[in-house]
All heavy atoms as atom14 arrays in JSON, in Angstrom:
{
  "sequence": "CPVWPGQPMTAHWGVPDPATADGSDDDKRKAFLAAFTALNRRISLFT",
  "atom14_mask": [
    [1, 1, 1, 1, 1, 1, 0, 0, 0, 0, 0, 0, 0, 0],
    [1, 1, 1, 1, 1, 1, 1, 0, 0, 0, 0, 0, 0, 0],
    [1, 1, 1, 1, 1, 1, 1, 0, 0, 0, 0, 0, 0, 0],
    [1, 1, 1, 1, 1, 1, 1, 1, 1, 1, 1, 1, 1, 1],
    [1, 1, 1, 1, 1, 1, 1, 0, 0, 0, 0, 0, 0, 0],
    [1, 1, 1, 1, 0, 0, 0, 0, 0, 0, 0, 0, 0, 0],
    [1, 1, 1, 1, 1, 1, 1, 1, 1, 0, 0, 0, 0, 0],
    [1, 1, 1, 1, 1, 1, 1, 0, 0, 0, 0, 0, 0, 0],
    [1, 1, 1, 1, 1, 1, 1, 1, 0, 0, 0, 0, 0, 0],
    [1, 1, 1, 1, 1, 1, 1, 0, 0, 0, 0, 0, 0, 0],
    [1, 1, 1, 1, 1, 0, 0, 0, 0, 0, 0, 0, 0, 0],
    [1, 1, 1, 1, 1, 1, 1, 1, 1, 1, 0, 0, 0, 0],
    [1, 1, 1, 1, 1, 1, 1, 1, 1, 1, 1, 1, 1, 1],
    [1, 1, 1, 1, 0, 0, 0, 0, 0, 0, 0, 0, 0, 0],
    [1, 1, 1, 1, 1, 1, 1, 0, 0, 0, 0, 0, 0, 0],
    [1, 1, 1, 1, 1, 1, 1, 0, 0, 0, 0, 0, 0, 0],
    [1, 1, 1, 1, 1, 1, 1, 1, 0, 0, 0, 0, 0, 0],
    [1, 1, 1, 1, 1, 1, 1, 0, 0, 0, 0, 0, 0, 0],
    [1, 1, 1, 1, 1, 0, 0, 0, 0, 0, 0, 0, 0, 0],
    [1, 1, 1, 1, 1, 1, 1, 0, 0, 0, 0, 0, 0, 0],
    [1, 1, 1, 1, 1, 0, 0, 0, 0, 0, 0, 0, 0, 0],
    [1, 1, 1, 1, 1, 1, 1, 1, 0, 0, 0, 0, 0, 0],
    [1, 1, 1, 1, 0, 0, 0, 0, 0, 0, 0, 0, 0, 0],
    [1, 1, 1, 1, 1, 1, 0, 0, 0, 0, 0, 0, 0, 0],
    [1, 1, 1, 1, 1, 1, 1, 1, 0, 0, 0, 0, 0, 0],
    [1, 1, 1, 1, 1, 1, 1, 1, 0, 0, 0, 0, 0, 0],
    [1, 1, 1, 1, 1, 1, 1, 1, 0, 0, 0, 0, 0, 0],
    [1, 1, 1, 1, 1, 1, 1, 1, 1, 0, 0, 0, 0, 0],
    [1, 1, 1, 1, 1, 1, 1, 1, 1, 1, 1, 0, 0, 0],
    [1, 1, 1, 1, 1, 1, 1, 1, 1, 0, 0, 0, 0, 0],
    [1, 1, 1, 1, 1, 0, 0, 0, 0, 0, 0, 0, 0, 0],
    [1, 1, 1, 1, 1, 1, 1, 1, 1, 1, 1, 0, 0, 0],
    [1, 1, 1, 1, 1, 1, 1, 1, 0, 0, 0, 0, 0, 0],
    [1, 1, 1, 1, 1, 0, 0, 0, 0, 0, 0, 0, 0, 0],
    [1, 1, 1, 1, 1, 0, 0, 0, 0, 0, 0, 0, 0, 0],
    [1, 1, 1, 1, 1, 1, 1, 1, 1, 1, 1, 0, 0, 0],
    [1, 1, 1, 1, 1, 1, 1, 0, 0, 0, 0, 0, 0, 0],
    [1, 1, 1, 1, 1, 0, 0, 0, 0, 0, 0, 0, 0, 0],
    [1, 1, 1, 1, 1, 1, 1, 1, 0, 0, 0, 0, 0, 0],
    [1, 1, 1, 1, 1, 1, 1, 1, 0, 0, 0, 0, 0, 0],
    [1, 1, 1, 1, 1, 1, 1, 1, 1, 1, 1, 0, 0, 0],
    [1, 1, 1, 1, 1, 1, 1, 1, 1, 1, 1, 0, 0, 0],
    [1, 1, 1, 1, 1, 1, 1, 1, 0, 0, 0, 0, 0, 0],
    [1, 1, 1, 1, 1, 1, 0, 0, 0, 0, 0, 0, 0, 0],
    [1, 1, 1, 1, 1, 1, 1, 1, 0, 0, 0, 0, 0, 0],
    [1, 1, 1, 1, 1, 1, 1, 1, 1, 1, 1, 0, 0, 0],
    [1, 1, 1, 1, 1, 1, 1, 0, 0, 0, 0, 0, 0, 0]
  ],
  "atom14_positions": [
    [[0.83, -1.19, -0.02], [-0.01, 0.02, 0.0], [0.89, 1.28, 0.02], [2.03, 1.24, 0.45], [-0.89, 0.04, 1.24], [-2.1, -1.31, 1.3], [0.0, 0.0, 0.0], [0.0, 0.0, 0.0], [0.0, 0.0, 0.0], [0.0, 0.0, 0.0], [0.0, 0.0, 0.0], [0.0, 0.0, 0.0], [0.0, 0.0, 0.0], [0.0, 0.0, 0.0]],
    [[0.29, 2.35, -0.44], [1.01, 3.63, -0.36], [1.23, 3.98, 1.12], [0.57, 3.4, 2.04], [0.08, 4.65, -1.04], [-0.89, 3.82, -1.86], [-0.94, 2.48, -1.13], [0.0, 0.0, 0.0], [0.0, 0.0, 0.0], [0.0, 0.0, 0.0], [0.0, 0.0, 0.0], [0.0, 0.0, 0.0], [0.0, 0.0, 0.0], [0.0, 0.0, 0.0]],
    [[2.02, 4.98, 1.38], [2.11, 5.49, 2.76], [0.96, 6.51, 2.98], [0.76, 7.4, 2.19], [3.47, 6.22, 2.93], [3.54, 6.92, 4.3], [4.61, 5.27, 2.72], [0.0, 0.0, 0.0], [0.0, 0.0, 0.0], [0.0, 0.0, 0.0], [0.0, 0.0, 0.0], [0.0, 0.0, 0.0], [0.0, 0.0, 0.0], [0.0, 0.0, 0.0]],
    [[0.18, 6.2, 3.95], [-1.06, 6.97, 4.17], [-0.77, 8.14, 5.12], [-0.09, 7.96, 6.15], [-2.13, 6.12, 4.83], [-2.45, 4.87, 4.05], [-2.19, 3.58, 4.44], [-3.03, 4.75, 2.73], [-2.6, 2.69, 3.48], [-3.11, 3.42, 2.46], [-3.43, 5.71, 1.83], [-3.55, 2.97, 1.23], [-3.96, 5.29, 0.59], [-4.02, 3.93, 0.31]],
    [[-1.3, 9.31, 4.8], [-1.12, 10.43, 5.71], [-1.78, 10.12, 7.09], [-2.82, 9.53, 7.1], [-1.77, 11.6, 4.99], [-2.37, 11.08, 3.74], [-2.03, 9.57, 3.62], [0.0, 0.0, 0.0], [0.0, 0.0, 0.0], [0.0, 0.0, 0.0], [0.0, 0.0, 0.0], [0.0, 0.0, 0.0], [0.0, 0.0, 0.0], [0.0, 0.0, 0.0]],
    [[-1.09, 10.54, 8.12], [-1.7, 10.42, 9.46], [-1.34, 9.15, 10.18], [-1.83, 8.96, 11.38], [0.0, 0.0, 0.0], [0.0, 0.0, 0.0], [0.0, 0.0, 0.0], [0.0, 0.0, 0.0], [0.0, 0.0, 0.0], [0.0, 0.0, 0.0], [0.0, 0.0, 0.0], [0.0, 0.0, 0.0], [0.0, 0.0, 0.0], [0.0, 0.0, 0.0]],
    [[-0.55, 8.22, 9.65], [-0.21, 6.98, 10.32], [-1.4, 6.33, 10.88], [-1.52, 6.09, 12.09], [0.87, 7.22, 11.36], [2.15, 7.81, 10.82], [3.17, 8.11, 11.85], [2.82, 8.47, 12.98], [4.39, 7.95, 11.54], [0.0, 0.0, 0.0], [0.0, 0.0, 0.0], [0.0, 0.0, 0.0], [0.0, 0.0, 0.0], [0.0, 0.0, 0.0]],
    [[-2.28, 5.88, 10.0], [-3.54, 5.21, 10.51], [-3.4, 3.87, 11.15], [-2.4, 3.17, 10.82], [-4.41, 5.14, 9.23], [-3.38, 5.03, 8.14], [-2.23, 5.88, 8.61], [0.0, 0.0, 0.0], [0.0, 0.0, 0.0], [0.0, 0.0, 0.0], [0.0, 0.0, 0.0], [0.0, 0.0, 0.0], [0.0, 0.0, 0.0], [0.0, 0.0, 0.0]],
    [[-4.32, 3.51, 11.94], [-4.42, 2.18, 12.51], [-5.06, 1.36, 11.4], [-5.99, 1.77, 10.72], [-5.33, 2.13, 13.71], [-5.24, 0.88, 14.47], [-5.81, 1.06, 16.22], [-4.44, 1.98, 16.87], [0.0, 0.0, 0.0], [0.0, 0.0, 0.0], [0.0, 0.0, 0.0], [0.0, 0.0, 0.0], [0.0, 0.0, 0.0], [0.0, 0.0, 0.0]],
    [[-4.59, 0.05, 11.2], [-5.1, -0.77, 10.07], [-5.57, -2.07, 10.61], [-5.25, -2.58, 11.66], [-4.0, -1.06, 9.05], [-2.84, -1.82, 9.73], [-3.4, 0.22, 8.49], [0.0, 0.0, 0.0], [0.0, 0.0, 0.0], [0.0, 0.0, 0.0], [0.0, 0.0, 0.0], [0.0, 0.0, 0.0], [0.0, 0.0, 0.0], [0.0, 0.0, 0.0]],
    [[-6.48, -2.68, 9.84], [-7.03, -3.96, 10.12], [-7.56, -4.6, 8.78], [-7.84, -3.88, 7.9], [-8.15, -3.91, 11.17], [0.0, 0.0, 0.0], [0.0, 0.0, 0.0], [0.0, 0.0, 0.0], [0.0, 0.0, 0.0], [0.0, 0.0, 0.0], [0.0, 0.0, 0.0], [0.0, 0.0, 0.0], [0.0, 0.0, 0.0], [0.0, 0.0, 0.0]],
    [[-7.57, -5.91, 8.79], [-8.17, -6.61, 7.63], [-9.51, -7.2, 8.0], [-9.63, -7.94, 8.99], [-7.24, -7.72, 7.21], [-7.75, -8.54, 6.05], [-8.05, -8.0, 4.83], [-8.09, -9.85, 5.96], [-8.55, -8.94, 4.07], [-8.52, -10.06, 4.73], [0.0, 0.0, 0.0], [0.0, 0.0, 0.0], [0.0, 0.0, 0.0], [0.0, 0.0, 0.0]],
    [[-10.56, -6.8, 7.24], [-11.88, -7.26, 7.46], [-12.41, -7.95, 6.17], [-13.33, -7.47, 5.51], [-12.83, -6.1, 7.82], [-12.62, -5.43, 9.13], [-11.8, -5.81, 10.09], [-13.35, -4.32, 9.61], [-11.89, -4.99, 11.15], [-12.87, -4.01, 10.88], [-14.36, -3.53, 9.11], [-13.31, -3.05, 11.71], [-14.84, -2.48, 9.92], [-14.31, -2.25, 11.17]],
    [[-11.76, -9.08, 5.77], [-12.02, -9.71, 4.53], [-13.52, -10.23, 4.35], [-14.05, -10.66, 5.36], [0.0, 0.0, 0.0], [0.0, 0.0, 0.0], [0.0, 0.0, 0.0], [0.0, 0.0, 0.0], [0.0, 0.0, 0.0], [0.0, 0.0, 0.0], [0.0, 0.0, 0.0], [0.0, 0.0, 0.0], [0.0, 0.0, 0.0], [0.0, 0.0, 0.0]],
    [[-14.04, -9.94, 3.24], [-15.4, -10.3, 2.88], [-15.37, -10.91, 1.45], [-14.73, -10.28, 0.55], [-16.34, -9.12, 2.91], [-17.78, -9.45, 2.45], [-16.45, -8.51, 4.31], [0.0, 0.0, 0.0], [0.0, 0.0, 0.0], [0.0, 0.0, 0.0], [0.0, 0.0, 0.0], [0.0, 0.0, 0.0], [0.0, 0.0, 0.0], [0.0, 0.0, 0.0]],
    [[-16.01, -12.05, 1.17], [-16.02, -12.62, -0.13], [-16.53, -11.55, -1.18], [-17.47, -10.83, -0.87], [-16.85, -13.8, -0.12], [-16.85, -14.2, 1.34], [-16.72, -12.93, 2.15], [0.0, 0.0, 0.0], [0.0, 0.0, 0.0], [0.0, 0.0, 0.0], [0.0, 0.0, 0.0], [0.0, 0.0, 0.0], [0.0, 0.0, 0.0], [0.0, 0.0, 0.0]],
    [[-15.94, -11.51, -2.35], [-16.29, -10.61, -3.37], [-17.62, -10.92, -4.03], [-17.65, -11.85, -4.81], [-15.21, -10.47, -4.43], [-15.4, -9.34, -5.4], [-16.45, -8.62, -5.28], [-14.54, -9.19, -6.29], [0.0, 0.0, 0.0], [0.0, 0.0, 0.0], [0.0, 0.0, 0.0], [0.0, 0.0, 0.0], [0.0, 0.0, 0.0], [0.0, 0.0, 0.0]],
    [[-18.68, -10.15, -3.83], [-19.92, -10.42, -4.42], [-19.94, -10.21, -5.92], [-20.79, -10.81, -6.7], [-20.98, -9.57, -3.71], [-20.14, -8.38, -3.27], [-18.78, -8.93, -2.95], [0.0, 0.0, 0.0], [0.0, 0.0, 0.0], [0.0, 0.0, 0.0], [0.0, 0.0, 0.0], [0.0, 0.0, 0.0], [0.0, 0.0, 0.0], [0.0, 0.0, 0.0]],
    [[-19.05, -9.34, -6.38], [-19.0, -9.05, -7.84], [-18.5, -10.23, -8.64], [-18.73, -10.27, -9.83], [-18.1, -7.81, -8.06], [0.0, 0.0, 0.0], [0.0, 0.0, 0.0], [0.0, 0.0, 0.0], [0.0, 0.0, 0.0], [0.0, 0.0, 0.0], [0.0, 0.0, 0.0], [0.0, 0.0, 0.0], [0.0, 0.0, 0.0], [0.0, 0.0, 0.0]],
    [[-17.89, -11.21, -8.04], [-17.47, -12.36, -8.75], [-18.46, -13.62, -8.6], [-18.1, -14.68, -9.01], [-16.06, -12.84, -8.29], [-16.15, -13.16, -6.9], [-15.07, -11.71, -8.51], [0.0, 0.0, 0.0], [0.0, 0.0, 0.0], [0.0, 0.0, 0.0], [0.0, 0.0, 0.0], [0.0, 0.0, 0.0], [0.0, 0.0, 0.0], [0.0, 0.0, 0.0]],
    [[-19.61, -13.38, -7.95], [-20.53, -14.46, -7.72], [-21.03, -15.04, -9.02], [-21.3, -14.31, -10.02], [-21.66, -13.93, -6.93], [0.0, 0.0, 0.0], [0.0, 0.0, 0.0], [0.0, 0.0, 0.0], [0.0, 0.0, 0.0], [0.0, 0.0, 0.0], [0.0, 0.0, 0.0], [0.0, 0.0, 0.0], [0.0, 0.0, 0.0], [0.0, 0.0, 0.0]],
    [[-21.17, -16.29, -9.1], [-21.73, -17.02, -10.26], [-23.15, -17.37, -9.95], [-23.63, -17.29, -8.85], [-20.88, -18.35, -10.51], [-19.49, -18.06, -10.97], [-19.27, -17.07, -11.72], [-18.54, -18.86, -10.59], [0.0, 0.0, 0.0], [0.0, 0.0, 0.0], [0.0, 0.0, 0.0], [0.0, 0.0, 0.0], [0.0, 0.0, 0.0], [0.0, 0.0, 0.0]],
    [[-23.81, -17.82, -11.05], [-25.16, -18.29, -10.89], [-26.17, -17.36, -11.42], [-25.88, -16.46, -12.19], [0.0, 0.0, 0.0], [0.0, 0.0, 0.0], [0.0, 0.0, 0.0], [0.0, 0.0, 0.0], [0.0, 0.0, 0.0], [0.0, 0.0, 0.0], [0.0, 0.0, 0.0], [0.0, 0.0, 0.0], [0.0, 0.0, 0.0], [0.0, 0.0, 0.0]],
    [[-27.41, -17.5, -10.96], [-28.51, -16.73, -11.44], [-28.42, -15.33, -10.9], [-27.62, -15.0, -10.01], [-29.82, -17.35, -10.97], [-29.95, -17.3, -9.58], [0.0, 0.0, 0.0], [0.0, 0.0, 0.0], [0.0, 0.0, 0.0], [0.0, 0.0, 0.0], [0.0, 0.0, 0.0], [0.0, 0.0, 0.0], [0.0, 0.0, 0.0], [0.0, 0.0, 0.0]],
    [[-29.27, -14.43, -11.39], [-29.36, -13.06, -10.86], [-29.73, -13.13, -9.41], [-29.17, -12.29, -8.56], [-30.35, -12.28, -11.59], [-29.93, -11.9, -13.02], [-28.79, -12.08, -13.36], [-30.82, -11.44, -13.82], [0.0, 0.0, 0.0], [0.0, 0.0, 0.0], [0.0, 0.0, 0.0], [0.0, 0.0, 0.0], [0.0, 0.0, 0.0], [0.0, 0.0, 0.0]],
    [[-30.55, -14.02, -8.95], [-30.91, -14.15, -7.57], [-29.75, -14.59, -6.73], [-29.58, -14.08, -5.66], [-32.09, -15.12, -7.44], [-32.7, -15.09, -6.03], [-32.97, -14.0, -5.56], [-32.85, -16.15, -5.46], [0.0, 0.0, 0.0], [0.0, 0.0, 0.0], [0.0, 0.0, 0.0], [0.0, 0.0, 0.0], [0.0, 0.0, 0.0], [0.0, 0.0, 0.0]],
    [[-28.89, -15.49, -7.24], [-27.72, -15.87, -6.59], [-26.76, -14.66, -6.36], [-26.14, -14.48, -5.32], [-26.91, -17.01, -7.31], [-27.7, -18.3, -7.29], [-28.54, -18.56, -6.44], [-27.5, -19.08, -8.29], [0.0, 0.0, 0.0], [0.0, 0.0, 0.0], [0.0, 0.0, 0.0], [0.0, 0.0, 0.0], [0.0, 0.0, 0.0], [0.0, 0.0, 0.0]],
    [[-26.61, -13.86, -7.4], [-25.77, -12.69, -7.33], [-26.31, -11.65, -6.28], [-25.52, -11.12, -5.51], [-25.6, -12.03, -8.76], [-24.88, -12.97, -9.69], [-24.83, -12.44, -11.05], [-24.11, -13.42, -11.95], [-24.14, -12.97, -13.36], [0.0, 0.0, 0.0], [0.0, 0.0, 0.0], [0.0, 0.0, 0.0], [0.0, 0.0, 0.0], [0.0, 0.0, 0.0]],
    [[-27.59, -11.46, -6.27], [-28.2, -10.55, -5.28], [-27.97, -11.09, -3.91], [-27.67, -10.32, -2.96], [-29.68, -10.34, -5.57], [-29.99, -9.37, -6.74], [-31.44, -9.02, -6.68], [-32.3, -10.08, -7.13], [-32.48, -10.43, -8.45], [-31.91, -9.77, -9.37], [-33.29, -11.45, -8.73], [0.0, 0.0, 0.0], [0.0, 0.0, 0.0], [0.0, 0.0, 0.0]],
    [[-28.06, -12.39, -3.71], [-27.81, -12.94, -2.39], [-26.33, -12.75, -1.92], [-26.08, -12.5, -0.84], [-28.07, -14.45, -2.39], [-29.58, -14.75, -2.39], [-29.87, -16.26, -2.43], [-31.37, -16.48, -2.49], [-31.66, -17.9, -2.76], [0.0, 0.0, 0.0], [0.0, 0.0, 0.0], [0.0, 0.0, 0.0], [0.0, 0.0, 0.0], [0.0, 0.0, 0.0]],
    [[-25.42, -12.85, -2.87], [-24.03, -12.58, -2.58], [-23.74, -11.14, -2.11], [-23.05, -10.9, -1.19], [-23.1, -12.89, -3.77], [0.0, 0.0, 0.0], [0.0, 0.0, 0.0], [0.0, 0.0, 0.0], [0.0, 0.0, 0.0], [0.0, 0.0, 0.0], [0.0, 0.0, 0.0], [0.0, 0.0, 0.0], [0.0, 0.0, 0.0], [0.0, 0.0, 0.0]],
    [[-24.44, -10.23, -2.78], [-24.35, -8.81, -2.33], [-24.96, -8.56, -0.98], [-24.44, -7.82, -0.14], [-24.96, -7.85, -3.44], [-23.95, -7.52, -4.54], [-23.76, -8.36, -5.57], [-23.06, -6.41, -4.38], [-22.86, -8.08, -6.58], [-22.19, -6.12, -5.38], [-22.04, -6.95, -6.48], [0.0, 0.0, 0.0], [0.0, 0.0, 0.0], [0.0, 0.0, 0.0]],
    [[-26.13, -9.22, -0.8], [-26.72, -9.11, 0.51], [-25.89, -9.68, 1.66], [-25.75, -9.11, 2.73], [-28.09, -9.79, 0.55], [-28.86, -9.77, 1.89], [-29.15, -8.31, 2.3], [-30.2, -10.5, 1.73], [0.0, 0.0, 0.0], [0.0, 0.0, 0.0], [0.0, 0.0, 0.0], [0.0, 0.0, 0.0], [0.0, 0.0, 0.0], [0.0, 0.0, 0.0]],
    [[-25.18, -10.8, 1.38], [-24.29, -11.42, 2.37], [-23.11, -10.47, 2.66], [-22.74, -10.31, 3.8], [-23.77, -12.73, 1.9], [0.0, 0.0, 0.0], [0.0, 0.0, 0.0], [0.0, 0.0, 0.0], [0.0, 0.0, 0.0], [0.0, 0.0, 0.0], [0.0, 0.0, 0.0], [0.0, 0.0, 0.0], [0.0, 0.0, 0.0], [0.0, 0.0, 0.0]],
    [[-22.56, -9.82, 1.61], [-21.47, -8.9, 1.89], [-21.91, -7.67, 2.67], [-21.32, -7.26, 3.63], [-20.86, -8.45, 0.51], [0.0, 0.0, 0.0], [0.0, 0.0, 0.0], [0.0, 0.0, 0.0], [0.0, 0.0, 0.0], [0.0, 0.0, 0.0], [0.0, 0.0, 0.0], [0.0, 0.0, 0.0], [0.0, 0.0, 0.0], [0.0, 0.0, 0.0]],
    [[-23.12, -7.15, 2.35], [-23.67, -6.06, 3.0], [-23.9, -6.41, 4.46], [-23.6, -5.64, 5.38], [-25.04, -5.65, 2.36], [-25.79, -4.64, 3.11], [-25.59, -3.28, 2.93], [-26.74, -5.0, 4.1], [-26.3, -2.33, 3.7], [-27.4, -4.08, 4.84], [-27.21, -2.72, 4.65], [0.0, 0.0, 0.0], [0.0, 0.0, 0.0], [0.0, 0.0, 0.0]],
    [[-24.46, -7.57, 4.74], [-24.8, -8.02, 6.12], [-23.49, -8.12, 6.93], [-23.46, -7.65, 8.09], [-25.58, -9.34, 6.04], [-26.78, -9.17, 5.33], [-25.91, -9.81, 7.5], [0.0, 0.0, 0.0], [0.0, 0.0, 0.0], [0.0, 0.0, 0.0], [0.0, 0.0, 0.0], [0.0, 0.0, 0.0], [0.0, 0.0, 0.0], [0.0, 0.0, 0.0]],
    [[-22.48, -8.71, 6.39], [-21.17, -8.84, 7.16], [-20.62, -7.5, 7.44], [-20.19, -7.22, 8.54], [-20.24, -9.75, 6.34], [0.0, 0.0, 0.0], [0.0, 0.0, 0.0], [0.0, 0.0, 0.0], [0.0, 0.0, 0.0], [0.0, 0.0, 0.0], [0.0, 0.0, 0.0], [0.0, 0.0, 0.0], [0.0, 0.0, 0.0], [0.0, 0.0, 0.0]],
    [[-20.55, -6.64, 6.45], [-19.97, -5.26, 6.63], [-20.89, -4.46, 7.57], [-20.33, -3.73, 8.41], [-19.86, -4.53, 5.26], [-18.68, -5.19, 4.42], [-18.83, -4.7, 2.97], [-17.3, -4.92, 5.02], [0.0, 0.0, 0.0], [0.0, 0.0, 0.0], [0.0, 0.0, 0.0], [0.0, 0.0, 0.0], [0.0, 0.0, 0.0], [0.0, 0.0, 0.0]],
    [[-22.17, -4.58, 7.44], [-23.05, -3.77, 8.33], [-22.85, -4.17, 9.78], [-22.69, -3.28, 10.7], [-24.5, -4.09, 7.92], [-25.49, -3.14, 8.6], [-25.26, -1.89, 8.68], [-26.56, -3.66, 9.04], [0.0, 0.0, 0.0], [0.0, 0.0, 0.0], [0.0, 0.0, 0.0], [0.0, 0.0, 0.0], [0.0, 0.0, 0.0], [0.0, 0.0, 0.0]],
    [[-22.67, -5.4, 10.05], [-22.4, -5.96, 11.42], [-21.1, -5.34, 11.94], [-20.99, -4.79, 13.03], [-22.43, -7.45, 11.52], [-22.13, -8.04, 12.88], [-22.15, -9.56, 12.88], [-21.22, -10.18, 11.93], [-21.49, -10.76, 10.75], [-22.72, -10.89, 10.43], [-20.56, -11.26, 10.01], [0.0, 0.0, 0.0], [0.0, 0.0, 0.0], [0.0, 0.0, 0.0]],
    [[-20.07, -5.42, 11.12], [-18.75, -4.99, 11.57], [-18.71, -3.49, 11.77], [-18.14, -3.0, 12.71], [-17.67, -5.44, 10.55], [-17.47, -6.92, 10.53], [-16.52, -7.38, 9.42], [-16.41, -8.83, 9.47], [-15.8, -9.53, 8.55], [-15.16, -8.88, 7.52], [-15.69, -10.82, 8.63], [0.0, 0.0, 0.0], [0.0, 0.0, 0.0], [0.0, 0.0, 0.0]],
    [[-19.32, -2.79, 10.84], [-19.29, -1.33, 10.97], [-20.11, -0.81, 12.07], [-19.76, 0.15, 12.77], [-19.65, -0.74, 9.58], [-18.46, -1.0, 8.64], [-19.96, 0.77, 9.66], [-18.78, -0.77, 7.26], [0.0, 0.0, 0.0], [0.0, 0.0, 0.0], [0.0, 0.0, 0.0], [0.0, 0.0, 0.0], [0.0, 0.0, 0.0], [0.0, 0.0, 0.0]],
    [[-21.27, -1.48, 12.37], [-22.07, -1.0, 13.5], [-21.29, -1.27, 14.79], [-21.31, -0.44, 15.74], [-23.39, -1.64, 13.55], [-23.35, -3.06, 13.75], [0.0, 0.0, 0.0], [0.0, 0.0, 0.0], [0.0, 0.0, 0.0], [0.0, 0.0, 0.0], [0.0, 0.0, 0.0], [0.0, 0.0, 0.0], [0.0, 0.0, 0.0], [0.0, 0.0, 0.0]],
    [[-20.52, -2.32, 14.89], [-19.64, -2.52, 16.01], [-18.52, -1.51, 16.08], [-18.3, -0.94, 17.18], [-18.98, -3.99, 15.96], [-19.94, -5.11, 16.24], [-19.18, -6.48, 15.86], [-20.34, -5.21, 17.65], [0.0, 0.0, 0.0], [0.0, 0.0, 0.0], [0.0, 0.0, 0.0], [0.0, 0.0, 0.0], [0.0, 0.0, 0.0], [0.0, 0.0, 0.0]],
    [[-17.87, -1.26, 14.98], [-16.86, -0.3, 14.96], [-17.25, 1.12, 15.36], [-16.61, 1.76, 16.22], [-16.19, -0.26, 13.55], [-15.28, 0.89, 13.3], [-14.08, 1.01, 14.01], [-15.51, 1.91, 12.35], [-13.25, 2.06, 13.81], [-14.68, 2.94, 12.14], [-13.49, 3.06, 12.83], [0.0, 0.0, 0.0], [0.0, 0.0, 0.0], [0.0, 0.0, 0.0]],
    [[-18.37, 1.58, 14.82], [-18.83, 2.95, 15.04], [-19.33, 3.12, 16.42], [-19.55, 4.25, 16.91], [-19.87, 3.39, 14.03], [-20.93, 2.45, 14.02], [-19.21, 3.5, 12.66], [0.0, 0.0, 0.0], [0.0, 0.0, 0.0], [0.0, 0.0, 0.0], [0.0, 0.0, 0.0], [0.0, 0.0, 0.0], [0.0, 0.0, 0.0], [0.0, 0.0, 0.0]]
  ]
}
């Protein structure tokens, strides 16, 4: 990564990439919902 201004604290919050989901349109929407749900939980804890 580049050197970030401010010397930030870092962490890895890996989430599967919904943009690479295979299958039907419904399967792809479910992948995006799963990513949203995981990130929503983490961010509500963080904030």
